[in-house]
């Protein structure tokens, strides 16, 4: 999952990490769910 663009904030696919850096761990979990959906 490290190579997934979803986990790359620079790709713009995960703006949640940029908006909430304090909840980076939670954002990654959310991104994982989104990528599954």
C-alpha atoms as a PDB file:
ATOM      1  CA  UNK A   1       0.000   0.000   0.000  1.00  0.00           C
ATOM      2  CA  UNK A   2       3.056   2.218   0.248  1.00  0.00           C
ATOM      3  CA  UNK A   3       3.106   2.617  -3.527  1.00  0.00           C
ATOM      4  CA  UNK A   4      -0.561   3.568  -3.759  1.00  0.00           C
ATOM      5  CA  UNK A   5      -1.033   7.176  -4.983  1.00  0.00           C
ATOM      6  CA  UNK A   6      -3.892   7.480  -2.500  1.00  0.00           C
ATOM      7  CA  UNK A   7      -1.361   7.624   0.322  1.00  0.00           C
ATOM      8  CA  UNK A   8       0.567  10.366  -1.461  1.00  0.00           C
ATOM      9  CA  UNK A   9      -0.720  13.782  -0.284  1.00  0.00           C
ATOM     10  CA  UNK A  10       1.131  15.475  -3.157  1.00  0.00           C
ATOM     11  CA  UNK A  11      -1.149  13.645  -5.587  1.00  0.00           C
ATOM     12  CA  UNK A  12      -4.087  15.614  -4.217  1.00  0.00           C
ATOM     13  CA  UNK A  13      -6.088  12.434  -3.699  1.00  0.00           C
ATOM     14  CA  UNK A  14      -5.937  12.717   0.086  1.00  0.00           C
ATOM     15  CA  UNK A  15      -6.574  16.372   1.050  1.00  0.00           C
ATOM     16  CA  UNK A  16      -7.691  15.196   4.485  1.00  0.00           C
ATOM     17  CA  UNK A  17      -4.064  14.762   5.480  1.00  0.00           C
ATOM     18  CA  UNK A  18      -3.317  18.335   4.451  1.00  0.00           C
ATOM     19  CA  UNK A  19      -6.347  19.714   6.270  1.00  0.00           C
ATOM     20  CA  UNK A  20      -5.854  17.615   9.393  1.00  0.00           C
ATOM     21  CA  UNK A  21      -2.180  16.726   9.859  1.00  0.00           C
ATOM     22  CA  UNK A  22      -2.841  16.008  13.537  1.00  0.00           C
ATOM     23  CA  UNK A  23      -5.052  13.075  12.562  1.00  0.00           C
ATOM     24  CA  UNK A  24      -2.680  11.712   9.949  1.00  0.00           C
ATOM     25  CA  UNK A  25      -3.141   8.167  11.235  1.00  0.00           C
ATOM     26  CA  UNK A  26      -6.916   8.472  11.019  1.00  0.00           C
ATOM     27  CA  UNK A  27      -6.633   9.978   7.559  1.00  0.00           C
ATOM     28  CA  UNK A  28      -4.640   7.006   6.344  1.00  0.00           C
ATOM     29  CA  UNK A  29      -7.301   4.647   7.667  1.00  0.00           C
ATOM     30  CA  UNK A  30      -9.995   6.673   5.928  1.00  0.00           C
ATOM     31  CA  UNK A  31      -8.006   6.665   2.700  1.00  0.00           C
ATOM     32  CA  UNK A  32      -7.671   2.903   2.954  1.00  0.00           C
ATOM     33  CA  UNK A  33     -11.442   2.584   3.245  1.00  0.00           C
ATOM     34  CA  UNK A  34     -11.976   4.985   0.351  1.00  0.00           C
ATOM     35  CA  UNK A  35      -9.543   3.093  -1.857  1.00  0.00           C
ATOM     36  CA  UNK A  36     -11.441  -0.101  -1.070  1.00  0.00           C
ATOM     37  CA  UNK A  37     -14.738   1.484  -2.008  1.00  0.00           C
END
